């Protein structure tokens, strides 16, 4: 992830959080056949929701009274996952 962009990128903090999020769900602990997520939560890791960091995404708007032809999403850039 970090190699694709300029290291002085303003989202380095978000990139670091993303790396921790992914490593908790994908790397196996030594002498165990489980990830840190499985050891903590007691259930297998689901990773089918993961998308590429920095890719285009759509964010659902939570307007109180949307009109019929108003857009219900905004375009954005994926900066990480929050548990």
Protein backbone atom coordinates (compact mmCIF):
# COMPACT_ATOMS: atom_id res chain seq x y z
CA UNK A 1 0.00 0.00 0.00
CA UNK A 2 2.61 2.49 1.05
CA UNK A 3 4.73 1.91 -2.07
CA UNK A 4 1.99 2.98 -4.46
CA UNK A 5 1.81 6.57 -3.23
CA UNK A 6 4.22 9.27 -2.16
CA UNK A 7 5.52 8.55 1.40
CA UNK A 8 4.73 12.14 2.39
CA UNK A 9 1.09 11.33 1.73
CA UNK A 10 -1.31 13.08 4.12
CA UNK A 11 -3.15 9.85 4.94
CA UNK A 12 -0.23 7.93 6.46
CA UNK A 13 -2.12 7.51 9.75
CA UNK A 14 -5.08 5.93 8.00
CA UNK A 15 -2.74 3.68 6.01
CA UNK A 16 -1.10 2.48 9.23
CA UNK A 17 -4.50 1.72 10.78
CA UNK A 18 -5.46 -0.21 7.64
CA UNK A 19 -2.29 -2.32 7.86
CA UNK A 20 -3.05 -3.21 11.49
CA UNK A 21 -6.68 -4.02 10.61
CA UNK A 22 -5.59 -6.36 7.81
CA UNK A 23 -2.78 -8.02 9.77
CA UNK A 24 -5.16 -8.81 12.65
CA UNK A 25 -7.42 -10.62 10.21
CA UNK A 26 -4.92 -12.39 7.96
CA UNK A 27 -1.67 -13.24 9.77
CA UNK A 28 -1.54 -16.42 11.82
CA UNK A 29 -0.08 -16.35 15.31
CA UNK A 30 3.00 -18.53 15.97
CA UNK A 31 2.25 -22.01 17.36
CA UNK A 32 -1.42 -21.52 16.54
CA UNK A 33 -3.59 -21.96 13.51
CA UNK A 34 -5.67 -18.87 14.29
CA UNK A 35 -5.50 -15.16 13.56
CA UNK A 36 -5.54 -12.57 16.35
CA UNK A 37 -9.15 -11.78 15.41
CA UNK A 38 -10.17 -15.44 15.90
CA UNK A 39 -8.39 -15.60 19.25
CA UNK A 40 -10.09 -12.39 20.44
CA UNK A 41 -13.61 -12.89 19.06
CA UNK A 42 -13.79 -16.70 19.04
CA UNK A 43 -15.12 -16.89 15.49
CA UNK A 44 -13.51 -17.12 12.04
CA UNK A 45 -12.46 -14.02 10.14
CA UNK A 46 -14.63 -12.75 7.31
CA UNK A 47 -12.67 -10.85 4.67
CA UNK A 48 -15.05 -10.76 1.70
CA UNK A 49 -15.99 -7.15 2.52
CA UNK A 50 -12.43 -5.86 2.02
CA UNK A 51 -11.74 -3.40 -0.80
CA UNK A 52 -8.55 -1.79 -2.13
CA UNK A 53 -7.24 1.09 0.01
CA UNK A 54 -7.63 4.39 -1.84
CA UNK A 55 -10.23 3.09 -4.30
CA UNK A 56 -13.40 4.93 -5.28
CA UNK A 57 -16.34 4.23 -3.00
CA UNK A 58 -19.85 5.52 -2.50
CA UNK A 59 -21.06 6.80 0.85
CA UNK A 60 -24.75 6.62 1.70
CA UNK A 61 -26.21 9.96 2.72
CA UNK A 62 -28.45 10.10 5.77
CA UNK A 63 -30.60 13.09 4.86
CA UNK A 64 -33.71 13.52 6.98
CA UNK A 65 -36.05 14.39 4.10
CA UNK A 66 -34.48 13.45 0.76
CA UNK A 67 -36.36 14.46 -2.36
CA UNK A 68 -37.29 11.90 -4.97
CA UNK A 69 -34.59 12.83 -7.50
CA UNK A 70 -31.86 13.80 -5.04
CA UNK A 71 -28.75 11.68 -5.03
CA UNK A 72 -28.64 9.26 -2.11
CA UNK A 73 -24.87 8.67 -2.22
CA UNK A 74 -21.69 10.71 -2.37
CA UNK A 75 -18.50 9.68 -4.10
CA UNK A 76 -15.42 9.28 -1.93
CA UNK A 77 -12.10 7.50 -1.43
CA UNK A 78 -11.80 4.48 0.85
CA UNK A 79 -9.39 5.29 3.70
CA UNK A 80 -9.97 2.35 6.01
CA UNK A 81 -12.33 0.24 8.04
CA UNK A 82 -13.64 0.96 11.49
CA UNK A 83 -14.68 -1.89 13.73
